[in-house]
Amino acid sequence: MISVGIDVSKGKSTVCAAKPYGEVLMTPRDFKHTKDDLDSLVKQLSRFKEEIHIIMEATGNYHLPIYQYLKSKGYQVAIINPLEMKRYRCQGIRNPKTDKIDSYIIAQYGIDFWYRFTPNSDMEESRAELRLLGLQYTSYMRIRTIRCQDLCHILDRTTPGVYGLLDDFNRNNGQDKLCDFAEKYWHCDNITKYSEKLFVERYNAWLKKKGYRQNENEARQLYFIAKNAIPTLDSKLSSTKLLVQEAVNVLREVDSSLYDILNQLKTLSKMMPEYDTVLAMKGIGETLAPRFIAEVGDPRRFHSAKALIAYAGIDAPPYQSGQFIGTKRHISKRGSANLRKLGYELMDSVNKHKSSYYGDPVCEYFMKKRNEGKPYRVAMIAAFNKFLRIYHSHVSAVLNEHDKNH
């Protein structure tokens, strides 16, 4: 039995091969992530005639070149959670850390846990693409939040009070009402130069032209806000209009990217066998379904629903020592932050539409916890926990049936 430990960094990896009882077959050495260097690594590994386990830590995108190259050469590679490896490494008193020491410790980990070795199976190409799109969508949403804040700060100096009234982004068609409004009415003076009646007429005509629903009450609110606002940037300054419109342009570019990514997510997710099953679940619509499918992937990769719940980071690990048993435990928050965020969006939808979700087990469980006096977040986490159990069961059954028929 030979364990090969690989400490991955950007552009290069340090590799060490070891056998039981501390015997080192290949002293730690660096290999660049180039074809020539990795060919040299494979040539050295091919000299070993015993069973080989290759271990490396997950390092974002850095480990992908060497992982895919070794997989293409027929080697089985296990990707280890960095937290697990960190806890394994910190067993001594001094705990020195270099790339060479790390590669040896990873190789030793492979020896100590030889029979727990589970090589990572490549996801289907379509699921890998979905996963990447989902991650990019989340990343762009974070950027959009920052861009929205920037636009809000500028509007607070030109048209205070408008941001909270018109913050309406439609993910399904890419329309952003706030951007459209700020582009035309970028200062209070652009509104108050009309009488209220004339502004209402012009605003409704503008809404119709842009494809929004006409709203006289909204127009009157906007006029009232503009009439009573105290702008701190003069509309006569040439830079005022420039700042507002540039903030609008940047936000629109992000909105356009989000719209395109979401459309691609929808297209690919509809090809997945579980799409209709996921879409039929209460609280999940055409926007959330592709993102759940992208983030969870094939739920059968989790040995049970508990493993999926742990992956979401909403589990509360048991804590017991002697006669003490911990009962008030917080969720671990270790795992996919994206999946937890999707859970918050899902439960927010369930809470808003609970009157129409009568009979749904997740909604009823949520309401049961609320009626017991549980805080909103506690009830939400408990209901999301139940949802993931149902998701794992239903989607796994659909995928098993699909595999059987194909």
Protein backbone atom coordinates (compact mmCIF):
# COMPACT_ATOMS: atom_id res chain seq x y z
CA MET A 1 0.00 0.00 0.00
CA ILE A 2 1.41 3.36 -1.11
CA SER A 3 -0.09 6.72 -0.20
CA VAL A 4 0.73 9.73 -2.35
CA GLY A 5 0.13 13.08 -0.64
CA ILE A 6 -0.15 16.19 -2.79
CA ASP A 7 -0.02 19.67 -1.28
CA VAL A 8 -1.53 21.93 -3.93
CA SER A 9 -0.75 25.60 -4.44
CA LYS A 10 -1.19 27.99 -7.35
CA GLY A 11 0.68 26.71 -10.40
CA LYS A 12 2.57 23.94 -8.62
CA SER A 13 2.14 21.02 -6.23
CA THR A 14 4.44 19.31 -3.73
CA VAL A 15 4.22 15.52 -3.91
CA CYS A 16 5.34 12.89 -1.40
CA ALA A 17 4.89 9.09 -1.54
CA ALA A 18 5.00 7.01 1.64
CA LYS A 19 4.38 3.49 2.94
CA PRO A 20 3.36 2.33 6.42
CA TYR A 21 5.72 2.76 9.38
CA GLY A 22 7.11 6.03 8.03
CA GLU A 23 8.90 4.63 4.97
CA VAL A 24 9.25 7.40 2.37
CA LEU A 25 9.40 6.19 -1.25
CA MET A 26 9.53 9.64 -2.84
CA THR A 27 10.80 12.59 -0.88
CA PRO A 28 8.68 15.75 -1.21
CA ARG A 29 9.37 17.55 -4.47
CA ASP A 30 7.65 20.22 -6.51
CA PHE A 31 5.89 19.68 -9.84
CA LYS A 32 4.54 22.56 -11.88
CA HIS A 33 1.05 22.26 -13.36
CA THR A 34 2.41 21.82 -16.84
CA LYS A 35 2.19 18.81 -19.13
CA ASP A 36 5.94 18.11 -18.98
CA ASP A 37 6.14 18.17 -15.18
CA LEU A 38 2.97 16.13 -14.70
CA ASP A 39 4.24 13.60 -17.27
CA SER A 40 7.35 13.30 -15.10
CA LEU A 41 5.17 12.74 -12.02
CA VAL A 42 3.12 10.03 -13.73
CA LYS A 43 6.35 8.34 -14.89
CA GLN A 44 7.60 8.20 -11.30
CA LEU A 45 4.29 6.90 -9.98
CA SER A 46 4.21 4.18 -12.65
CA ARG A 47 7.30 2.60 -11.10
CA PHE A 48 5.31 1.65 -8.00
CA LYS A 49 3.81 -1.82 -8.37
CA GLU A 50 1.58 -1.74 -5.28
CA GLU A 51 -1.89 -0.26 -4.86
CA ILE A 52 -1.73 3.54 -4.87
CA HIS A 53 -4.02 5.99 -3.12
CA ILE A 54 -3.60 9.64 -4.12
CA ILE A 55 -4.77 12.26 -1.61
CA MET A 56 -5.05 16.04 -1.99
CA GLU A 57 -6.90 18.89 -0.35
CA ALA A 58 -9.67 20.82 -2.04
CA THR A 59 -8.20 24.22 -2.96
CA GLY A 60 -10.81 25.98 -5.05
CA ASN A 61 -9.64 25.81 -8.67
CA TYR A 62 -5.93 25.24 -7.98
CA HIS A 63 -6.18 21.46 -7.64
CA LEU A 64 -8.23 20.93 -10.81
CA PRO A 65 -5.33 20.70 -13.34
CA ILE A 66 -3.42 18.00 -11.47
CA TYR A 67 -6.64 16.23 -10.44
CA GLN A 68 -7.96 16.00 -13.99
CA TYR A 69 -4.58 15.00 -15.38
CA LEU A 70 -4.12 12.14 -12.91
CA LYS A 71 -7.71 11.01 -13.50
CA SER A 72 -7.05 10.93 -17.25
CA LYS A 73 -4.11 8.61 -16.57
CA GLY A 74 -6.32 6.16 -14.71
CA TYR A 75 -5.39 7.05 -11.11
CA GLN A 76 -7.99 7.23 -8.36
CA VAL A 77 -7.79 10.54 -6.48
CA ALA A 78 -9.51 11.50 -3.22
CA ILE A 79 -10.22 15.18 -2.49
CA ILE A 80 -10.16 15.88 1.26
CA ASN A 81 -11.91 18.70 3.08
CA PRO A 82 -9.21 21.21 4.18
CA LEU A 83 -10.77 21.50 7.66
CA GLU A 84 -10.48 17.75 8.18
CA MET A 85 -6.84 17.84 7.09
CA LYS A 86 -6.11 20.84 9.30
CA ARG A 87 -7.43 19.04 12.36
CA TYR A 88 -5.41 15.95 11.46
CA ARG A 89 -2.26 18.04 11.01
CA CYS A 90 -2.54 19.85 14.36
CA GLN A 91 -1.64 16.91 16.59
CA GLY A 92 1.77 18.00 17.79
CA ILE A 93 2.94 20.85 20.01
CA ARG A 94 4.97 22.97 17.56
CA ASN A 95 3.03 22.20 14.36
CA PRO A 96 5.58 23.46 11.80
CA LYS A 97 4.14 24.11 8.35
CA THR A 98 5.84 24.03 4.96
CA ASP A 99 4.75 22.60 1.63
CA LYS A 100 7.11 19.63 2.06
CA ILE A 101 5.85 18.88 5.57
CA ASP A 102 2.25 19.24 4.42
CA SER A 103 2.70 16.79 1.53
CA TYR A 104 4.21 14.22 3.91
CA ILE A 105 1.38 14.70 6.42
CA ILE A 106 -1.22 14.27 3.65
CA ALA A 107 0.52 11.06 2.58
CA GLN A 108 0.51 9.87 6.21
CA TYR A 109 -3.20 10.69 6.41
CA GLY A 110 -3.74 8.36 3.46
CA ILE A 111 -1.95 5.56 5.36
CA ASP A 112 -3.87 6.10 8.61
CA PHE A 113 -7.23 6.19 6.84
CA TRP A 114 -6.43 3.71 4.07
CA TYR A 115 -9.74 1.88 4.33
CA ARG A 116 -11.76 5.11 4.28
CA PHE A 117 -10.39 6.01 0.86
CA THR A 118 -13.25 7.09 -1.41
CA PRO A 119 -12.08 8.35 -4.80
CA ASN A 120 -13.99 11.34 -6.11
CA SER A 121 -16.26 10.48 -9.00
CA ASP A 122 -16.48 13.04 -11.77
CA MET A 123 -19.88 14.70 -12.04
CA GLU A 124 -21.64 14.54 -15.35
CA GLU A 125 -20.48 17.28 -17.65
CA SER A 126 -23.92 18.93 -17.60
CA ARG A 127 -24.05 18.89 -13.78
CA ALA A 128 -20.54 20.35 -13.59
CA GLU A 129 -21.64 23.12 -15.96
CA LEU A 130 -24.75 23.75 -13.87
CA ARG A 131 -22.63 23.95 -10.73
CA LEU A 132 -20.31 26.52 -12.29
CA LEU A 133 -23.23 28.60 -13.56
CA GLY A 134 -24.84 28.50 -10.11
CA LEU A 135 -21.65 29.72 -8.45
CA GLN A 136 -21.27 32.54 -10.97
CA TYR A 137 -24.91 33.54 -10.50
CA THR A 138 -24.34 33.83 -6.74
CA SER A 139 -21.15 35.81 -7.33
CA TYR A 140 -22.93 38.27 -9.64
CA MET A 141 -25.76 38.66 -7.13
CA ARG A 142 -23.19 39.81 -4.56
CA ILE A 143 -21.85 42.31 -7.10
CA ARG A 144 -25.40 43.48 -7.80
CA THR A 145 -25.95 44.16 -4.10
CA ILE A 146 -22.86 46.39 -4.04
CA ARG A 147 -23.91 48.20 -7.23
CA CYS A 148 -27.41 48.74 -5.82
CA GLN A 149 -25.91 50.29 -2.71
CA ASP A 150 -23.80 52.64 -4.83
CA LEU A 151 -26.85 53.75 -6.82
CA CYS A 152 -28.82 54.16 -3.59
CA HIS A 153 -26.12 56.42 -2.11
CA ILE A 154 -26.21 58.68 -5.16
CA LEU A 155 -30.02 58.77 -5.33
CA ASP A 156 -30.08 59.71 -1.64
CA ARG A 157 -28.36 62.92 -2.73
CA THR A 158 -30.48 63.59 -5.82
CA THR A 159 -33.89 61.98 -5.17
CA PRO A 160 -34.03 60.88 -1.50
CA GLY A 161 -36.65 58.25 -0.66
CA VAL A 162 -37.02 56.76 -4.14
CA TYR A 163 -34.80 53.72 -3.62
CA GLY A 164 -37.09 51.93 -1.17
CA LEU A 165 -40.17 52.55 -3.31
CA LEU A 166 -38.87 51.30 -6.66
CA ASP A 167 -36.31 48.60 -5.82
CA ASP A 168 -37.84 46.02 -8.16
CA PHE A 169 -35.64 43.68 -10.21
CA ASN A 170 -37.42 41.03 -12.29
CA ARG A 171 -35.04 38.09 -12.68
CA ASN A 172 -37.22 36.42 -15.30
CA ASN A 173 -37.05 39.21 -17.89
CA GLY A 174 -34.06 41.25 -16.67
CA GLN A 175 -36.07 44.46 -16.16
CA ASP A 176 -34.95 46.78 -13.37
CA LYS A 177 -37.53 49.47 -12.62
CA LEU A 178 -35.21 51.51 -10.43
CA CYS A 179 -32.58 51.74 -13.17
CA ASP A 180 -35.15 52.77 -15.77
CA PHE A 181 -36.60 55.40 -13.43
CA ALA A 182 -33.23 56.80 -12.35
CA GLU A 183 -32.13 57.14 -15.97
CA LYS A 184 -35.09 59.39 -16.82
CA TYR A 185 -35.81 61.09 -13.49
CA TRP A 186 -32.29 61.35 -12.09
CA HIS A 187 -33.06 64.40 -9.93
CA CYS A 188 -36.02 65.78 -7.97
CA ASP A 189 -36.08 68.78 -10.30
CA ASN A 190 -36.97 66.47 -13.21
CA ILE A 191 -40.19 65.61 -11.36
CA THR A 192 -41.14 68.85 -9.65
CA LYS A 193 -40.83 70.89 -12.83
CA TYR A 194 -44.25 69.41 -13.74
CA SER A 195 -47.53 69.81 -11.91
CA GLU A 196 -48.71 66.72 -10.03
CA LYS A 197 -51.43 65.98 -12.57
CA LEU A 198 -49.09 66.33 -15.54
CA PHE A 199 -46.40 64.20 -13.87
CA VAL A 200 -48.91 61.42 -13.15
CA GLU A 201 -49.94 61.40 -16.81
CA ARG A 202 -46.36 61.42 -18.06
CA TYR A 203 -45.28 58.77 -15.55
CA ASN A 204 -48.10 56.38 -16.53
CA ALA A 205 -47.27 56.91 -20.21
CA TRP A 206 -43.63 56.11 -19.41
CA LEU A 207 -44.65 52.95 -17.50
CA LYS A 208 -46.70 51.77 -20.47
CA LYS A 209 -43.84 52.43 -22.87
CA LYS A 210 -41.39 50.48 -20.69
CA GLY A 211 -43.79 47.56 -20.26
CA TYR A 212 -44.64 48.12 -16.60
CA ARG A 213 -48.11 48.16 -15.09
CA GLN A 214 -49.56 51.67 -14.83
CA ASN A 215 -49.84 52.88 -11.24
CA GLU A 216 -51.33 56.27 -10.47
CA ASN A 217 -50.87 55.86 -6.72
CA GLU A 218 -47.15 55.18 -7.19
CA ALA A 219 -46.83 58.28 -9.36
CA ARG A 220 -48.44 60.45 -6.67
CA GLN A 221 -46.12 58.97 -4.03
CA LEU A 222 -43.10 59.77 -6.18
CA TYR A 223 -44.29 63.34 -6.70
CA PHE A 224 -44.86 63.77 -2.96
CA ILE A 225 -41.37 62.42 -2.19
CA ALA A 226 -39.75 64.70 -4.78
CA LYS A 227 -41.72 67.75 -3.57
CA ASN A 228 -40.61 67.26 0.04
CA ALA A 229 -37.07 66.01 -0.59
CA ILE A 230 -33.92 68.01 0.13
CA PRO A 231 -31.38 67.02 -2.54
CA THR A 232 -27.72 67.67 -1.68
CA LEU A 233 -26.49 67.61 -5.29
CA ASP A 234 -27.48 70.42 -7.62
CA SER A 235 -29.15 69.32 -10.86
CA LYS A 236 -27.30 72.10 -12.68
CA LEU A 237 -23.93 70.46 -12.04
CA SER A 238 -22.81 68.45 -15.07
CA SER A 239 -21.36 65.70 -12.87
CA THR A 240 -24.67 64.99 -11.11
CA LYS A 241 -26.39 63.45 -14.13
CA LEU A 242 -23.15 61.67 -15.08
CA LEU A 243 -22.81 59.97 -11.69
CA VAL A 244 -26.40 58.73 -11.64
CA GLN A 245 -26.37 57.45 -15.21
CA GLU A 246 -23.00 55.71 -14.86
CA ALA A 247 -24.23 53.94 -11.72
CA VAL A 248 -27.34 52.91 -13.69
CA ASN A 249 -25.22 51.64 -16.62
CA VAL A 250 -23.02 49.49 -14.39
CA LEU A 251 -26.03 48.02 -12.58
CA ARG A 252 -27.71 47.27 -15.90
CA GLU A 253 -24.65 45.36 -17.10
CA VAL A 254 -24.78 43.20 -13.99
CA ASP A 255 -28.53 42.69 -14.43
CA SER A 256 -27.94 41.62 -18.03
CA SER A 257 -25.31 39.08 -16.94
CA LEU A 258 -27.63 37.69 -14.26
CA TYR A 259 -30.45 37.37 -16.78
CA ASP A 260 -28.24 35.50 -19.28
CA ILE A 261 -26.79 33.16 -16.65
CA LEU A 262 -30.23 32.39 -15.22
CA ASN A 263 -31.58 31.60 -18.70
CA GLN A 264 -28.71 29.19 -19.30
CA LEU A 265 -29.34 27.63 -15.88
CA LYS A 266 -32.99 27.13 -16.79
CA THR A 267 -32.13 25.59 -20.15
CA LEU A 268 -29.68 23.08 -18.69
CA SER A 269 -31.76 22.23 -15.62
CA LYS A 270 -34.77 21.35 -17.77
CA MET A 271 -32.66 18.55 -19.24
CA MET A 272 -32.20 17.02 -15.78
CA PRO A 273 -34.55 14.11 -14.90
CA GLU A 274 -35.47 15.67 -11.55
CA TYR A 275 -36.49 19.10 -12.90
CA ASP A 276 -40.27 18.52 -12.85
CA THR A 277 -40.08 16.93 -9.39
CA VAL A 278 -38.14 19.88 -7.94
CA LEU A 279 -40.36 22.45 -9.66
CA ALA A 280 -43.47 20.78 -8.21
CA MET A 281 -42.28 21.36 -4.63
CA LYS A 282 -44.06 24.19 -2.84
CA GLY A 283 -42.06 27.40 -2.58
CA ILE A 284 -39.80 26.61 -5.52
CA GLY A 285 -40.45 28.40 -8.77
CA GLU A 286 -38.69 28.68 -12.12
CA THR A 287 -35.90 30.75 -10.57
CA LEU A 288 -35.14 28.67 -7.48
CA ALA A 289 -35.49 25.22 -9.11
CA PRO A 290 -32.45 25.53 -11.43
CA ARG A 291 -30.35 26.95 -8.60
CA PHE A 292 -31.26 24.08 -6.25
CA ILE A 293 -30.47 21.51 -8.94
CA ALA A 294 -27.15 23.25 -9.65
CA GLU A 295 -26.11 23.51 -6.00
CA VAL A 296 -27.19 20.07 -4.74
CA GLY A 297 -26.31 18.15 -7.89
CA ASP A 298 -27.05 14.44 -7.70
CA PRO A 299 -28.36 13.97 -4.13
CA ARG A 300 -27.32 10.30 -4.22
CA ARG A 301 -23.74 11.42 -3.67
CA PHE A 302 -24.85 12.01 -0.06
CA HIS A 303 -25.24 8.70 1.75
CA SER A 304 -28.35 9.97 3.53
CA ALA A 305 -30.54 13.02 4.00
CA LYS A 306 -28.54 13.80 7.15
CA ALA A 307 -25.40 14.14 5.02
CA LEU A 308 -27.20 16.62 2.73
CA ILE A 309 -28.34 18.59 5.79
CA ALA A 310 -24.75 18.64 7.07
CA TYR A 311 -23.60 19.82 3.63
CA ALA A 312 -26.02 22.72 3.95
CA GLY A 313 -24.51 23.53 7.36
CA ILE A 314 -27.85 23.55 9.19
CA ASP A 315 -27.10 20.50 11.36
CA ALA A 316 -26.48 20.79 15.09
CA PRO A 317 -23.86 18.14 16.01
CA PRO A 318 -24.48 16.41 19.36
CA TYR A 319 -22.44 17.51 22.37
CA GLN A 320 -22.19 15.25 25.42
CA SER A 321 -19.61 14.84 28.14
CA GLY A 322 -20.11 12.84 31.33
CA GLN A 323 -23.54 13.66 32.70
CA PHE A 324 -23.89 16.80 30.59
CA ILE A 325 -25.90 16.65 27.37
CA GLY A 326 -26.05 19.82 25.29
CA THR A 327 -29.54 20.58 24.01
CA LYS A 328 -29.42 24.21 22.87
CA ARG A 329 -27.03 23.77 19.97
CA HIS A 330 -26.47 26.24 17.14
CA ILE A 331 -26.31 25.13 13.51
CA SER A 332 -22.79 24.30 12.38
CA LYS A 333 -22.69 26.66 9.36
CA ARG A 334 -20.03 24.37 7.86
CA GLY A 335 -20.75 23.48 4.28
CA SER A 336 -22.40 25.29 1.40
CA ALA A 337 -23.28 28.89 2.22
CA ASN A 338 -25.02 29.06 -1.17
CA LEU A 339 -27.37 26.24 -0.22
CA ARG A 340 -28.20 27.94 3.09
CA LYS A 341 -28.99 31.15 1.22
CA LEU A 342 -31.27 29.23 -1.14
CA GLY A 343 -32.96 27.82 1.95
CA TYR A 344 -33.61 31.33 3.27
CA GLU A 345 -35.15 32.34 -0.07
CA LEU A 346 -37.26 29.19 -0.15
CA MET A 347 -38.59 29.62 3.38
CA ASP A 348 -39.28 33.30 2.76
CA SER A 349 -41.44 32.24 -0.20
CA VAL A 350 -43.20 29.61 1.96
CA ASN A 351 -43.88 32.22 4.65
CA LYS A 352 -45.30 34.73 2.17
CA HIS A 353 -47.58 32.21 0.45
CA LYS A 354 -48.46 29.96 3.39
CA SER A 355 -52.18 30.54 2.91
CA SER A 356 -52.02 28.88 -0.53
CA TYR A 357 -49.73 26.03 0.55
CA TYR A 358 -52.31 24.23 2.66
CA GLY A 359 -51.41 20.54 3.03
CA ASP A 360 -47.74 20.97 2.17
CA PRO A 361 -45.66 19.16 4.86
CA VAL A 362 -42.89 21.77 4.89
CA CYS A 363 -45.30 24.70 5.25
CA GLU A 364 -47.33 22.93 7.92
CA TYR A 365 -44.17 22.06 9.85
CA PHE A 366 -43.03 25.69 9.63
CA MET A 367 -46.40 26.91 10.95
CA LYS A 368 -46.35 24.27 13.68
CA LYS A 369 -43.01 25.56 14.95
CA ARG A 370 -44.23 29.15 14.78
CA ASN A 371 -47.36 28.24 16.75
CA GLU A 372 -45.13 26.61 19.38
CA GLY A 373 -43.56 30.03 19.91
CA LYS A 374 -40.31 29.33 18.08
CA PRO A 375 -38.52 32.40 16.66
CA TYR A 376 -38.85 32.89 12.91
CA ARG A 377 -35.29 31.81 12.11
CA VAL A 378 -35.50 28.71 14.29
CA ALA A 379 -38.75 27.66 12.61
CA MET A 380 -37.27 28.44 9.20
CA ILE A 381 -34.17 26.26 9.78
CA ALA A 382 -36.30 23.42 11.13
CA ALA A 383 -38.62 23.56 8.10
CA PHE A 384 -35.69 23.76 5.68
CA ASN A 385 -34.23 20.70 7.40
CA LYS A 386 -37.48 18.86 6.66
CA PHE A 387 -37.48 20.14 3.08
CA LEU A 388 -33.99 18.73 2.45
CA ARG A 389 -35.08 15.32 3.75
CA ILE A 390 -38.02 15.32 1.33
CA TYR A 391 -35.80 16.63 -1.49
CA HIS A 392 -33.22 13.88 -0.95
CA SER A 393 -35.88 11.16 -0.87
CA HIS A 394 -37.96 12.30 -3.87
CA VAL A 395 -35.13 13.32 -6.19
CA SER A 396 -33.06 10.20 -5.43
CA ALA A 397 -36.09 8.03 -6.26
CA VAL A 398 -36.62 9.87 -9.55
CA LEU A 399 -32.94 9.52 -10.52
CA ASN A 400 -32.90 5.81 -9.61
CA GLU A 401 -35.98 5.25 -11.75
CA HIS A 402 -34.43 7.20 -14.61
CA ASP A 403 -31.21 5.16 -14.43
CA LYS A 404 -33.23 1.94 -14.40
CA ASN A 405 -35.14 2.90 -17.53
CA HIS A 406 -32.02 4.03 -19.37
